[in-house]
Amino acid sequence: MKPDYQSYTLEELYDVKVNINKDAYPERYENLLIEIKLREEAAPKVMQKATKTKRKRTNNEKIATSSFVLIVAIAAFYFEYIPGKHGGISMKEDPFFFWGILLFCVGMAVNQLLSFEWRQQTGSSV
């Protein structure tokens, strides 16, 4: 009785490939290699369909997140402290790291605000 390799999963086929006696069953081994090749060629097509396209953020979402980051940055500047899990970062204790993080956050918020998508108005105005 010959095994039905089409009913095996790809993992099972790899397991059979490792454990099969190639000398005793050369025809089964060839059929196994053919089935593995067919499955491997079909696998990338399935993977390509599974990828999601990245959703574009709206201008309102960009304004909201940038506003939040800028408010937090202003509060950190005012209180001279960035809270954190292990005590946070103080401007007095580590000024370079404090200003680096603060400027990075402000830069990211400004970059996000500058990435607005401006729509062209079509048609004539009355």
PDB file of N, CA and C in Angstrom:
ATOM      1  N   MET A   1       0.837  -1.179   0.000  1.00  0.00           N
ATOM      2  CA  MET A   1       0.000   0.000   0.000  1.00  0.00           C
ATOM      3  C   MET A   1       0.884   1.246   0.000  1.00  0.00           C
ATOM      4  N   LYS A   2       0.614   2.158  -0.934  1.00  0.00           N
ATOM      5  CA  LYS A   2       1.393   3.385  -1.033  1.00  0.00           C
ATOM      6  C   LYS A   2       0.765   4.465  -0.169  1.00  0.00           C
ATOM      7  N   PRO A   3       1.594   5.292   0.461  1.00  0.00           N
ATOM      8  CA  PRO A   3       1.040   6.387   1.261  1.00  0.00           C
ATOM      9  C   PRO A   3       0.478   7.482   0.367  1.00  0.00           C
ATOM     10  N   ASP A   4      -0.580   8.152   0.852  1.00  0.00           N
ATOM     11  CA  ASP A   4      -1.203   9.266   0.136  1.00  0.00           C
ATOM     12  C   ASP A   4      -0.587  10.559   0.667  1.00  0.00           C
ATOM     13  N   TYR A   5       0.467  11.023   0.009  1.00  0.00           N
ATOM     14  CA  TYR A   5       1.189  12.208   0.485  1.00  0.00           C
ATOM     15  C   TYR A   5       0.371  13.492   0.370  1.00  0.00           C
ATOM     16  N   GLN A   6      -0.667  13.490  -0.446  1.00  0.00           N
ATOM     17  CA  GLN A   6      -1.495  14.681  -0.596  1.00  0.00           C
ATOM     18  C   GLN A   6      -2.308  14.983   0.660  1.00  0.00           C
ATOM     19  N   SER A   7      -2.547  13.968   1.473  1.00  0.00           N
ATOM     20  CA  SER A   7      -3.320  14.185   2.701  1.00  0.00           C
ATOM     21  C   SER A   7      -2.427  14.600   3.873  1.00  0.00           C
ATOM     22  N   TYR A   8      -1.099  14.605   3.675  1.00  0.00           N
ATOM     23  CA  TYR A   8      -0.167  14.979   4.738  1.00  0.00           C
ATOM     24  C   TYR A   8      -0.008  16.494   4.796  1.00  0.00           C
ATOM     25  N   THR A   9       0.293  17.001   5.963  1.00  0.00           N
ATOM     26  CA  THR A   9       0.651  18.408   6.083  1.00  0.00           C
ATOM     27  C   THR A   9       2.101  18.581   5.655  1.00  0.00           C
ATOM     28  N   LEU A  10       2.517  19.806   5.430  1.00  0.00           N
ATOM     29  CA  LEU A  10       3.891  20.063   5.013  1.00  0.00           C
ATOM     30  C   LEU A  10       4.886  19.635   6.091  1.00  0.00           C
ATOM     31  N   GLU A  11       4.529  19.850   7.344  1.00  0.00           N
ATOM     32  CA  GLU A  11       5.403  19.426   8.440  1.00  0.00           C
ATOM     33  C   GLU A  11       5.548  17.906   8.461  1.00  0.00           C
ATOM     34  N   GLU A  12       4.444  17.194   8.216  1.00  0.00           N
ATOM     35  CA  GLU A  12       4.495  15.734   8.174  1.00  0.00           C
ATOM     36  C   GLU A  12       5.340  15.244   7.002  1.00  0.00           C
ATOM     37  N   LEU A  13       5.248  15.955   5.876  1.00  0.00           N
ATOM     38  CA  LEU A  13       6.062  15.576   4.719  1.00  0.00           C
ATOM     39  C   LEU A  13       7.551  15.738   5.018  1.00  0.00           C
ATOM     40  N   TYR A  14       7.914  16.824   5.708  1.00  0.00           N
ATOM     41  CA  TYR A  14       9.321  17.010   6.094  1.00  0.00           C
ATOM     42  C   TYR A  14       9.774  15.893   7.037  1.00  0.00           C
ATOM     43  N   ASP A  15       8.896  15.484   7.932  1.00  0.00           N
ATOM     44  CA  ASP A  15       9.223  14.412   8.864  1.00  0.00           C
ATOM     45  C   ASP A  15       9.433  13.089   8.116  1.00  0.00           C
ATOM     46  N   VAL A  16       8.579  12.822   7.142  1.00  0.00           N
ATOM     47  CA  VAL A  16       8.725  11.599   6.347  1.00  0.00           C
ATOM     48  C   VAL A  16      10.030  11.642   5.557  1.00  0.00           C
ATOM     49  N   LYS A  17      10.375  12.808   5.026  1.00  0.00           N
ATOM     50  CA  LYS A  17      11.611  12.955   4.249  1.00  0.00           C
ATOM     51  C   LYS A  17      12.836  12.600   5.089  1.00  0.00           C
ATOM     52  N   VAL A  18      12.822  12.991   6.349  1.00  0.00           N
ATOM     53  CA  VAL A  18      13.941  12.698   7.235  1.00  0.00           C
ATOM     54  C   VAL A  18      13.995  11.211   7.577  1.00  0.00           C
ATOM     55  N   ASN A  19      12.837  10.580   7.733  1.00  0.00           N
ATOM     56  CA  ASN A  19      12.789   9.218   8.257  1.00  0.00           C
ATOM     57  C   ASN A  19      12.611   8.121   7.210  1.00  0.00           C
ATOM     58  N   ILE A  20      12.406   8.465   5.947  1.00  0.00           N
ATOM     59  CA  ILE A  20      12.145   7.446   4.934  1.00  0.00           C
ATOM     60  C   ILE A  20      13.446   6.715   4.558  1.00  0.00           C
ATOM     61  N   ASN A  21      13.316   5.464   4.237  1.00  0.00           N
ATOM     62  CA  ASN A  21      14.440   4.672   3.755  1.00  0.00           C
ATOM     63  C   ASN A  21      14.492   4.845   2.237  1.00  0.00           C
ATOM     64  N   LYS A  22      15.418   5.687   1.761  1.00  0.00           N
ATOM     65  CA  LYS A  22      15.493   6.033   0.341  1.00  0.00           C
ATOM     66  C   LYS A  22      15.866   4.828  -0.521  1.00  0.00           C
ATOM     67  N   ASP A  23      16.691   3.955   0.023  1.00  0.00           N
ATOM     68  CA  ASP A  23      17.140   2.799  -0.757  1.00  0.00           C
ATOM     69  C   ASP A  23      16.036   1.756  -0.907  1.00  0.00           C
ATOM     70  N   ALA A  24      15.247   1.569   0.125  1.00  0.00           N
ATOM     71  CA  ALA A  24      14.193   0.557   0.078  1.00  0.00           C
ATOM     72  C   ALA A  24      12.967   1.047  -0.697  1.00  0.00           C
ATOM     73  N   TYR A  25      12.695   2.349  -0.657  1.00  0.00           N
ATOM     74  CA  TYR A  25      11.493   2.905  -1.296  1.00  0.00           C
ATOM     75  C   TYR A  25      11.849   4.106  -2.174  1.00  0.00           C
ATOM     76  N   PRO A  26      12.588   3.899  -3.264  1.00  0.00           N
ATOM     77  CA  PRO A  26      12.990   5.052  -4.095  1.00  0.00           C
ATOM     78  C   PRO A  26      11.808   5.723  -4.794  1.00  0.00           C
ATOM     79  N   GLU A  27      10.794   4.943  -5.172  1.00  0.00           N
ATOM     80  CA  GLU A  27       9.634   5.529  -5.848  1.00  0.00           C
ATOM     81  C   GLU A  27       8.827   6.400  -4.887  1.00  0.00           C
ATOM     82  N   ARG A  28       8.643   5.945  -3.663  1.00  0.00           N
ATOM     83  CA  ARG A  28       7.943   6.747  -2.652  1.00  0.00           C
ATOM     84  C   ARG A  28       8.721   8.022  -2.341  1.00  0.00           C
ATOM     85  N   TYR A  29      10.039   7.903  -2.301  1.00  0.00           N
ATOM     86  CA  TYR A  29      10.871   9.071  -2.008  1.00  0.00           C
ATOM     87  C   TYR A  29      10.725  10.127  -3.106  1.00  0.00           C
ATOM     88  N   GLU A  30      10.695   9.690  -4.366  1.00  0.00           N
ATOM     89  CA  GLU A  30      10.510  10.627  -5.479  1.00  0.00           C
ATOM     90  C   GLU A  30       9.134  11.300  -5.409  1.00  0.00           C
ATOM     91  N   ASN A  31       8.108  10.518  -5.111  1.00  0.00           N
ATOM     92  CA  ASN A  31       6.761  11.081  -4.966  1.00  0.00           C
ATOM     93  C   ASN A  31       6.712  12.078  -3.814  1.00  0.00           C
ATOM     94  N   LEU A  32       7.424  11.757  -2.755  1.00  0.00           N
ATOM     95  CA  LEU A  32       7.489  12.659  -1.599  1.00  0.00           C
ATOM     96  C   LEU A  32       8.140  13.978  -1.975  1.00  0.00           C
ATOM     97  N   LEU A  33       9.264  13.914  -2.696  1.00  0.00           N
ATOM     98  CA  LEU A  33       9.955  15.142  -3.113  1.00  0.00           C
ATOM     99  C   LEU A  33       9.092  15.994  -4.033  1.00  0.00           C
ATOM    100  N   ILE A  34       8.361  15.342  -4.910  1.00  0.00           N
ATOM    101  CA  ILE A  34       7.461  16.075  -5.811  1.00  0.00           C
ATOM    102  C   ILE A  34       6.364  16.783  -5.018  1.00  0.00           C
ATOM    103  N   GLU A  35       5.777  16.090  -4.049  1.00  0.00           N
ATOM    104  CA  GLU A  35       4.715  16.691  -3.232  1.00  0.00           C
ATOM    105  C   GLU A  35       5.250  17.853  -2.397  1.00  0.00           C
ATOM    106  N   ILE A  36       6.440  17.706  -1.838  1.00  0.00           N
ATOM    107  CA  ILE A  36       7.039  18.804  -1.057  1.00  0.00           C
ATOM    108  C   ILE A  36       7.291  20.017  -1.941  1.00  0.00           C
ATOM    109  N   LYS A  37       7.799  19.771  -3.144  1.00  0.00           N
ATOM    110  CA  LYS A  37       8.062  20.872  -4.071  1.00  0.00           C
ATOM    111  C   LYS A  37       6.772  21.604  -4.434  1.00  0.00           C
ATOM    112  N   LEU A  38       5.704  20.857  -4.691  1.00  0.00           N
ATOM    113  CA  LEU A  38       4.414  21.479  -5.016  1.00  0.00           C
ATOM    114  C   LEU A  38       3.899  22.331  -3.859  1.00  0.00           C
ATOM    115  N   ARG A  39       4.027  21.812  -2.656  1.00  0.00           N
ATOM    116  CA  ARG A  39       3.555  22.545  -1.476  1.00  0.00           C
ATOM    117  C   ARG A  39       4.373  23.803  -1.230  1.00  0.00           C
ATOM    118  N   GLU A  40       5.694  23.708  -1.403  1.00  0.00           N
ATOM    119  CA  GLU A  40       6.546  24.878  -1.166  1.00  0.00           C
ATOM    120  C   GLU A  40       6.307  25.962  -2.199  1.00  0.00           C
ATOM    121  N   GLU A  41       5.997  25.585  -3.426  1.00  0.00           N
ATOM    122  CA  GLU A  41       5.687  26.569  -4.462  1.00  0.00           C
ATOM    123  C   GLU A  41       4.349  27.240  -4.195  1.00  0.00           C
ATOM    124  N   ALA A  42       3.413  26.525  -3.611  1.00  0.00           N
ATOM    125  CA  ALA A  42       2.091  27.078  -3.326  1.00  0.00           C
ATOM    126  C   ALA A  42       2.095  27.917  -2.060  1.00  0.00           C
ATOM    127  N   ALA A  43       3.014  27.676  -1.142  1.00  0.00           N
ATOM    128  CA  ALA A  43       3.033  28.364   0.150  1.00  0.00           C
ATOM    129  C   ALA A  43       3.242  29.873   0.032  1.00  0.00           C
ATOM    130  N   PRO A  44       4.166  30.400  -0.800  1.00  0.00           N
ATOM    131  CA  PRO A  44       4.337  31.851  -0.866  1.00  0.00           C
ATOM    132  C   PRO A  44       3.090  32.585  -1.339  1.00  0.00           C
ATOM    133  N   LYS A  45       2.291  31.958  -2.191  1.00  0.00           N
ATOM    134  CA  LYS A  45       1.070  32.603  -2.658  1.00  0.00           C
ATOM    135  C   LYS A  45       0.088  32.821  -1.514  1.00  0.00           C
ATOM    136  N   VAL A  46       0.029  31.893  -0.601  1.00  0.00           N
ATOM    137  CA  VAL A  46      -0.845  32.026   0.562  1.00  0.00           C
ATOM    138  C   VAL A  46      -0.330  33.130   1.476  1.00  0.00           C
ATOM    139  N   MET A  47       0.986  33.209   1.649  1.00  0.00           N
ATOM    140  CA  MET A  47       1.573  34.212   2.523  1.00  0.00           C
ATOM    141  C   MET A  47       1.343  35.621   1.980  1.00  0.00           C
ATOM    142  N   GLN A  48       1.380  35.798   0.661  1.00  0.00           N
ATOM    143  CA  GLN A  48       1.189  37.110   0.084  1.00  0.00           C
ATOM    144  C   GLN A  48      -0.229  37.621   0.314  1.00  0.00           C
ATOM    145  N   LYS A  49      -1.201  36.735   0.319  1.00  0.00           N
ATOM    146  CA  LYS A  49      -2.580  37.138   0.526  1.00  0.00           C
ATOM    147  C   LYS A  49      -2.839  37.538   1.973  1.00  0.00           C
ATOM    148  N   ALA A  50      -2.037  37.026   2.900  1.00  0.00           N
ATOM    149  CA  ALA A  50      -2.264  37.266   4.315  1.00  0.00           C
ATOM    150  C   ALA A  50      -1.765  38.634   4.771  1.00  0.00           C
ATOM    151  N   THR A  51      -0.923  39.311   3.994  1.00  0.00           N
ATOM    152  CA  THR A  51      -0.391  40.601   4.419  1.00  0.00           C
ATOM    153  C   THR A  51      -1.469  41.672   4.332  1.00  0.00           C
ATOM    154  N   LYS A  52      -1.488  42.543   5.334  1.00  0.00           N
ATOM    155  CA  LYS A  52      -2.470  43.616   5.377  1.00  0.00           C
ATOM    156  C   LYS A  52      -1.835  44.894   4.849  1.00  0.00           C
ATOM    157  N   THR A  53      -2.648  45.709   4.222  1.00  0.00           N
ATOM    158  CA  THR A  53      -2.161  47.006   3.800  1.00  0.00           C
ATOM    159  C   THR A  53      -2.262  47.964   4.974  1.00  0.00           C
ATOM    160  N   LYS A  54      -1.315  48.870   5.052  1.00  0.00           N
ATOM    161  CA  LYS A  54      -1.273  49.809   6.166  1.00  0.00           C
ATOM    162  C   LYS A  54      -2.306  50.913   5.938  1.00  0.00           C
ATOM    163  N   ARG A  55      -3.098  51.161   6.962  1.00  0.00           N
ATOM    164  CA  ARG A  55      -4.137  52.186   6.874  1.00  0.00           C
ATOM    165  C   ARG A  55      -3.506  53.560   7.048  1.00  0.00           C
ATOM    166  N   LYS A  56      -3.896  54.488   6.189  1.00  0.00           N
ATOM    167  CA  LYS A  56      -3.400  55.855   6.319  1.00  0.00           C
ATOM    168  C   LYS A  56      -4.164  56.564   7.427  1.00  0.00           C
ATOM    169  N   ARG A  57      -3.430  57.327   8.205  1.00  0.00           N
ATOM    170  CA  ARG A  57      -4.079  58.092   9.267  1.00  0.00           C
ATOM    171  C   ARG A  57      -4.651  59.377   8.690  1.00  0.00           C
ATOM    172  N   THR A  58      -5.790  59.765   9.213  1.00  0.00           N
ATOM    173  CA  THR A  58      -6.432  60.987   8.752  1.00  0.00           C
ATOM    174  C   THR A  58      -5.744  62.197   9.369  1.00  0.00           C
ATOM    175  N   ASN A  59      -6.030  63.362   8.810  1.00  0.00           N
ATOM    176  CA  ASN A  59      -5.453  64.596   9.351  1.00  0.00           C
ATOM    177  C   ASN A  59      -5.914  64.837  10.785  1.00  0.00           C
ATOM    178  N   ASN A  60      -7.171  64.498  11.092  1.00  0.00           N
ATOM    179  CA  ASN A  60      -7.667  64.687  12.462  1.00  0.00           C
ATOM    180  C   ASN A  60      -6.911  63.807  13.454  1.00  0.00           C
ATOM    181  N   GLU A  61      -6.586  62.580  13.061  1.00  0.00           N
ATOM    182  CA  GLU A  61      -5.809  61.703  13.943  1.00  0.00           C
ATOM    183  C   GLU A  61      -4.402  62.242  14.142  1.00  0.00           C
ATOM    184  N   LYS A  62      -3.827  62.792  13.087  1.00  0.00           N
ATOM    185  CA  LYS A  62      -2.488  63.372  13.197  1.00  0.00           C
ATOM    186  C   LYS A  62      -2.499  64.581  14.129  1.00  0.00           C
ATOM    187  N   ILE A  63      -3.524  65.403  14.028  1.00  0.00           N
ATOM    188  CA  ILE A  63      -3.630  66.580  14.899  1.00  0.00           C
ATOM    189  C   ILE A  63      -3.792  66.142  16.345  1.00  0.00           C
ATOM    190  N   ALA A  64      -4.628  65.155  16.589  1.00  0.00           N
ATOM    191  CA  ALA A  64      -4.888  64.699  17.956  1.00  0.00           C
ATOM    192  C   ALA A  64      -3.630  64.123  18.604  1.00  0.00           C
ATOM    193  N   THR A  65      -2.934  63.235  17.901  1.00  0.00           N
ATOM    194  CA  THR A  65      -1.746  62.623  18.500  1.00  0.00           C
ATOM    195  C   THR A  65      -0.613  63.638  18.658  1.00  0.00           C
ATOM    196  N   SER A  66      -0.453  64.510  17.685  1.00  0.00           N
ATOM    197  CA  SER A  66       0.595  65.536  17.791  1.00  0.00           C
ATOM    198  C   SER A  66       0.294  66.501  18.928  1.00  0.00           C
ATOM    199  N   SER A  67      -0.960  66.858  19.087  1.00  0.00           N
ATOM    200  CA  SER A  67      -1.341  67.759  20.176  1.00  0.00           C
ATOM    201  C   SER A  67      -1.050  67.114  21.532  1.00  0.00           C
ATOM    202  N   PHE A  68      -1.370  65.846  21.663  1.00  0.00           N
ATOM    203  CA  PHE A  68      -1.102  65.136  22.911  1.00  0.00           C
ATOM    204  C   PHE A  68       0.392  65.110  23.219  1.00  0.00           C
ATOM    205  N   VAL A  69       1.201  64.784  22.227  1.00  0.00           N
ATOM    206  CA  VAL A  69       2.656  64.728  22.435  1.00  0.00           C
ATOM    207  C   VAL A  69       3.199  66.106  22.779  1.00  0.00           C
ATOM    208  N   LEU A  70       2.717  67.143  22.112  1.00  0.00           N
ATOM    209  CA  LEU A  70       3.197  68.497  22.409  1.00  0.00           C
ATOM    210  C   LEU A  70       2.769  68.948  23.802  1.00  0.00           C
ATOM    211  N   ILE A  71       1.568  68.592  24.244  1.00  0.00           N
ATOM    212  CA  ILE A  71       1.121  68.939  25.595  1.00  0.00           C
ATOM    213  C   ILE A  71       1.981  68.241  26.640  1.00  0.00           C
ATOM    214  N   VAL A  72       2.288  66.960  26.403  1.00  0.00           N
ATOM    215  CA  VAL A  72       3.150  66.224  27.329  1.00  0.00           C
ATOM    216  C   VAL A  72       4.549  66.837  27.346  1.00  0.00           C
ATOM    217  N   ALA A  73       5.061  67.240  26.179  1.00  0.00           N
ATOM    218  CA  ALA A  73       6.385  67.861  26.108  1.00  0.00           C
ATOM    219  C   ALA A  73       6.410  69.197  26.845  1.00  0.00           C
ATOM    220  N   ILE A  74       5.348  69.971  26.713  1.00  0.00           N
ATOM    221  CA  ILE A  74       5.272  71.255  27.430  1.00  0.00           C
ATOM    222  C   ILE A  74       5.210  71.020  28.932  1.00  0.00           C
ATOM    223  N   ALA A  75       4.442  70.019  29.365  1.00  0.00           N
ATOM    224  CA  ALA A  75       4.372  69.685  30.792  1.00  0.00           C
ATOM    225  C   ALA A  75       5.732  69.218  31.306  1.00  0.00           C
ATOM    226  N   ALA A  76       6.434  68.406  30.512  1.00  0.00           N
ATOM    227  CA  ALA A  76       7.760  67.942  30.922  1.00  0.00           C
ATOM    228  C   ALA A  76       8.728  69.107  31.011  1.00  0.00           C
ATOM    229  N   PHE A  77       8.631  70.058  30.093  1.00  0.00           N
ATOM    230  CA  PHE A  77       9.481  71.249  30.133  1.00  0.00           C
ATOM    231  C   PHE A  77       9.170  72.099  31.360  1.00  0.00           C
ATOM    232  N   TYR A  78       7.884  72.255  31.663  1.00  0.00           N
ATOM    233  CA  TYR A  78       7.468  73.079  32.800  1.00  0.00           C
ATOM    234  C   TYR A  78       7.909  72.459  34.130  1.00  0.00           C
ATOM    235  N   PHE A  79       7.695  71.140  34.285  1.00  0.00           N
ATOM    236  CA  PHE A  79       8.027  70.471  35.544  1.00  0.00           C
ATOM    237  C   PHE A  79       9.473  69.971  35.594  1.00  0.00           C
ATOM    238  N   GLU A  80      10.184  70.108  34.484  1.00  0.00           N
ATOM    239  CA  GLU A  80      11.579  69.684  34.368  1.00  0.00           C
ATOM    240  C   GLU A  80      11.741  68.203  34.735  1.00  0.00           C
ATOM    241  N   TYR A  81      10.773  67.392  34.320  1.00  0.00           N
ATOM    242  CA  TYR A  81      10.788  65.983  34.685  1.00  0.00           C
ATOM    243  C   TYR A  81       9.954  65.195  33.686  1.00  0.00           C
ATOM    244  N   ILE A  82      10.496  64.047  33.246  1.00  0.00           N
ATOM    245  CA  ILE A  82       9.753  63.120  32.386  1.00  0.00           C
ATOM    246  C   ILE A  82       9.509  61.866  33.211  1.00  0.00           C
ATOM    247  N   PRO A  83       8.262  61.566  33.563  1.00  0.00           N
ATOM    248  CA  PRO A  83       7.998  60.391  34.403  1.00  0.00           C
ATOM    249  C   PRO A  83       8.322  59.096  33.662  1.00  0.00           C
ATOM    250  N   GLY A  84       8.718  58.103  34.439  1.00  0.00           N
ATOM    251  CA  GLY A  84       9.047  56.812  33.849  1.00  0.00           C
ATOM    252  C   GLY A  84       8.931  55.699  34.865  1.00  0.00           C
ATOM    253  N   LYS A  85       9.137  54.494  34.411  1.00  0.00           N
ATOM    254  CA  LYS A  85       8.960  53.309  35.237  1.00  0.00           C
ATOM    255  C   LYS A  85       9.971  53.249  36.382  1.00  0.00           C
ATOM    256  N   HIS A  86      11.204  53.589  36.117  1.00  0.00           N
ATOM    257  CA  HIS A  86      12.258  53.479  37.128  1.00  0.00           C
ATOM    258  C   HIS A  86      12.706  54.853  37.610  1.00  0.00           C
ATOM    259  N   GLY A  87      11.772  55.692  37.971  1.00  0.00           N
ATOM    260  CA  GLY A  87      12.107  56.990  38.530  1.00  0.00           C
ATOM    261  C   GLY A  87      12.045  58.136  37.548  1.00  0.00           C
ATOM    262  N   GLY A  88      11.991  57.884  36.271  1.00  0.00           N
ATOM    263  CA  GLY A  88      11.884  58.939  35.287  1.00  0.00           C
ATOM    264  C   GLY A  88      13.209  59.635  35.028  1.00  0.00           C
ATOM    265  N   ILE A  89      13.128  60.747  34.286  1.00  0.00           N
ATOM    266  CA  ILE A  89      14.315  61.507  33.910  1.00  0.00           C
ATOM    267  C   ILE A  89      14.126  62.949  34.350  1.00  0.00           C
ATOM    268  N   SER A  90      15.071  63.430  35.101  1.00  0.00           N
ATOM    269  CA  SER A  90      15.024  64.796  35.588  1.00  0.00           C
ATOM    270  C   SER A  90      16.010  65.641  34.793  1.00  0.00           C
ATOM    271  N   MET A  91      15.645  66.913  34.568  1.00  0.00           N
ATOM    272  CA  MET A  91      16.549  67.797  33.850  1.00  0.00           C
ATOM    273  C   MET A  91      17.795  68.087  34.694  1.00  0.00           C
ATOM    274  N   LYS A  92      17.658  68.094  36.014  1.00  0.00           N
ATOM    275  CA  LYS A  92      18.798  68.383  36.877  1.00  0.00           C
ATOM    276  C   LYS A  92      19.766  67.206  36.934  1.00  0.00           C
ATOM    277  N   GLU A  93      19.252  65.989  36.919  1.00  0.00           N
ATOM    278  CA  GLU A  93      20.111  64.815  37.033  1.00  0.00           C
ATOM    279  C   GLU A  93      20.781  64.438  35.713  1.00  0.00           C
ATOM    280  N   ASP A  94      20.066  64.537  34.622  1.00  0.00           N
ATOM    281  CA  ASP A  94      20.622  64.144  33.322  1.00  0.00           C
ATOM    282  C   ASP A  94      20.089  65.087  32.246  1.00  0.00           C
ATOM    283  N   PRO A  95      20.670  66.297  32.132  1.00  0.00           N
ATOM    284  CA  PRO A  95      20.110  67.295  31.209  1.00  0.00           C
ATOM    285  C   PRO A  95      20.212  66.901  29.731  1.00  0.00           C
ATOM    286  N   PHE A  96      21.282  66.244  29.325  1.00  0.00           N
ATOM    287  CA  PHE A  96      21.422  65.900  27.909  1.00  0.00           C
ATOM    288  C   PHE A  96      20.361  64.887  27.475  1.00  0.00           C
ATOM    289  N   PHE A  97      20.142  63.879  28.289  1.00  0.00           N
ATOM    290  CA  PHE A  97      19.134  62.874  27.970  1.00  0.00           C
ATOM    291  C   PHE A  97      17.738  63.496  28.009  1.00  0.00           C
ATOM    292  N   PHE A  98      17.482  64.338  28.989  1.00  0.00           N
ATOM    293  CA  PHE A  98      16.193  65.018  29.116  1.00  0.00           C
ATOM    294  C   PHE A  98      15.895  65.825  27.859  1.00  0.00           C
ATOM    295  N   TRP A  99      16.846  66.681  27.451  1.00  0.00           N
ATOM    296  CA  TRP A  99      16.617  67.525  26.285  1.00  0.00           C
ATOM    297  C   TRP A  99      16.579  66.700  24.997  1.00  0.00           C
ATOM    298  N   GLY A 100      17.352  65.624  24.954  1.00  0.00           N
ATOM    299  CA  GLY A 100      17.315  64.762  23.774  1.00  0.00           C
ATOM    300  C   GLY A 100      15.947  64.134  23.573  1.00  0.00           C
ATOM    301  N   ILE A 101      15.386  63.606  24.648  1.00  0.00           N
ATOM    302  CA  ILE A 101      14.052  63.004  24.560  1.00  0.00           C
ATOM    303  C   ILE A 101      13.002  64.060  24.242  1.00  0.00           C
ATOM    304  N   LEU A 102      13.095  65.189  24.881  1.00  0.00           N
ATOM    305  CA  LEU A 102      12.126  66.263  24.664  1.00  0.00           C
ATOM    306  C   LEU A 102      12.165  66.747  23.212  1.00  0.00           C
ATOM    307  N   LEU A 103      13.358  66.980  22.693  1.00  0.00           N
ATOM    308  CA  LEU A 103      13.475  67.447  21.306  1.00  0.00           C
ATOM    309  C   LEU A 103      13.054  66.369  20.313  1.00  0.00           C
ATOM    310  N   PHE A 104      13.330  65.123  20.631  1.00  0.00           N
ATOM    311  CA  PHE A 104      12.889  64.031  19.764  1.00  0.00           C
ATOM    312  C   PHE A 104      11.366  63.989  19.684  1.00  0.00           C
ATOM    313  N   CYS A 105      10.695  64.098  20.816  1.00  0.00           N
ATOM    314  CA  CYS A 105       9.231  64.062  20.839  1.00  0.00           C
ATOM    315  C   CYS A 105       8.631  65.237  20.090  1.00  0.00           C
ATOM    316  N   VAL A 106       9.185  66.419  20.313  1.00  0.00           N
ATOM    317  CA  VAL A 106       8.678  67.606  19.614  1.00  0.00           C
ATOM    318  C   VAL A 106       8.935  67.471  18.116  1.00  0.00           C
ATOM    319  N   GLY A 107      10.097  66.965  17.748  1.00  0.00           N
ATOM    320  CA  GLY A 107      10.401  66.779  16.326  1.00  0.00           C
ATOM    321  C   GLY A 107       9.456  65.800  15.657  1.00  0.00           C
ATOM    322  N   MET A 108       9.143  64.706  16.347  1.00  0.00           N
ATOM    323  CA  MET A 108       8.215  63.733  15.772  1.00  0.00           C
ATOM    324  C   MET A 108       6.808  64.333  15.630  1.00  0.00           C
ATOM    325  N   ALA A 109       6.385  65.115  16.604  1.00  0.00           N
ATOM    326  CA  ALA A 109       5.062  65.734  16.535  1.00  0.00           C
ATOM    327  C   ALA A 109       5.000  66.746  15.387  1.00  0.00           C
ATOM    328  N   VAL A 110       6.044  67.560  15.235  1.00  0.00           N
ATOM    329  CA  VAL A 110       6.071  68.550  14.154  1.00  0.00           C
ATOM    330  C   VAL A 110       6.134  67.838  12.794  1.00  0.00           C
ATOM    331  N   ASN A 111       6.927  66.784  12.706  1.00  0.00           N
ATOM    332  CA  ASN A 111       7.003  66.012  11.463  1.00  0.00           C
ATOM    333  C   ASN A 111       5.635  65.456  11.096  1.00  0.00           C
ATOM    334  N   GLN A 112       4.910  64.980  12.077  1.00  0.00           N
ATOM    335  CA  GLN A 112       3.579  64.439  11.826  1.00  0.00           C
ATOM    336  C   GLN A 112       2.632  65.544  11.365  1.00  0.00           C
ATOM    337  N   LEU A 113       2.740  66.716  11.947  1.00  0.00           N
ATOM    338  CA  LEU A 113       1.881  67.824  11.525  1.00  0.00           C
ATOM    339  C   LEU A 113       2.217  68.298  10.120  1.00  0.00           C
ATOM    340  N   LEU A 114       3.498  68.175   9.749  1.00  0.00           N
ATOM    341  CA  LEU A 114       3.896  68.604   8.404  1.00  0.00           C
ATOM    342  C   LEU A 114       3.553  67.574   7.330  1.00  0.00           C
ATOM    343  N   SER A 115       3.083  66.412   7.723  1.00  0.00           N
ATOM    344  CA  SER A 115       2.751  65.370   6.742  1.00  0.00           C
ATOM    345  C   SER A 115       1.266  65.353   6.393  1.00  0.00           C
ATOM    346  N   PHE A 116       0.609  66.482   6.541  1.00  0.00           N
ATOM    347  CA  PHE A 116      -0.800  66.561   6.169  1.00  0.00           C
ATOM    348  C   PHE A 116      -0.966  66.293   4.683  1.00  0.00           C
ATOM    349  N   GLU A 117      -2.117  65.751   4.344  1.00  0.00           N
ATOM    350  CA  GLU A 117      -2.456  65.560   2.945  1.00  0.00           C
ATOM    351  C   GLU A 117      -3.448  66.659   2.559  1.00  0.00           C
ATOM    352  N   TRP A 118      -2.975  67.555   1.759  1.00  0.00           N
ATOM    353  CA  TRP A 118      -3.819  68.663   1.333  1.00  0.00           C
ATOM    354  C   TRP A 118      -4.568  68.247   0.086  1.00  0.00           C
ATOM    355  N   ARG A 119      -5.870  68.433   0.109  1.00  0.00           N
ATOM    356  CA  ARG A 119      -6.709  68.052  -1.030  1.00  0.00           C
ATOM    357  C   ARG A 119      -6.842  69.241  -1.975  1.00  0.00           C
ATOM    358  N   GLN A 120      -6.764  68.921  -3.243  1.00  0.00           N
ATOM    359  CA  GLN A 120      -6.957  69.937  -4.266  1.00  0.00           C
ATOM    360  C   GLN A 120      -8.468  70.124  -4.466  1.00  0.00           C
ATOM    361  N   GLN A 121      -8.913  71.357  -4.430  1.00  0.00           N
ATOM    362  CA  GLN A 121     -10.328  71.613  -4.655  1.00  0.00           C
ATOM    363  C   GLN A 121     -10.570  71.665  -6.152  1.00  0.00           C
ATOM    364  N   THR A 122     -11.539  70.903  -6.579  1.00  0.00           N
ATOM    365  CA  THR A 122     -11.867  70.873  -8.003  1.00  0.00           C
ATOM    366  C   THR A 122     -13.170  71.626  -8.237  1.00  0.00           C
ATOM    367  N   GLY A 123     -13.364  72.061  -9.432  1.00  0.00           N
ATOM    368  CA  GLY A 123     -14.598  72.760  -9.761  1.00  0.00           C
ATOM    369  C   GLY A 123     -14.408  74.270  -9.633  1.00  0.00           C
ATOM    370  N   SER A 124     -15.398  74.969 -10.050  1.00  0.00           N
ATOM    371  CA  SER A 124     -15.298  76.436 -10.006  1.00  0.00           C
ATOM    372  C   SER A 124     -16.074  76.957  -8.806  1.00  0.00           C
ATOM    373  N   SER A 125     -15.580  78.027  -8.248  1.00  0.00           N
ATOM    374  CA  SER A 125     -16.283  78.637  -7.112  1.00  0.00           C
ATOM    375  C   SER A 125     -17.210  79.723  -7.607  1.00  0.00           C
ATOM    376  N   VAL A 126     -18.320  79.889  -6.927  1.00  0.00           N
ATOM    377  CA  VAL A 126     -19.343  80.847  -7.350  1.00  0.00           C
ATOM    378  C   VAL A 126     -19.196  82.137  -6.612  1.00  0.00           C
TER     379      VAL A 126
END
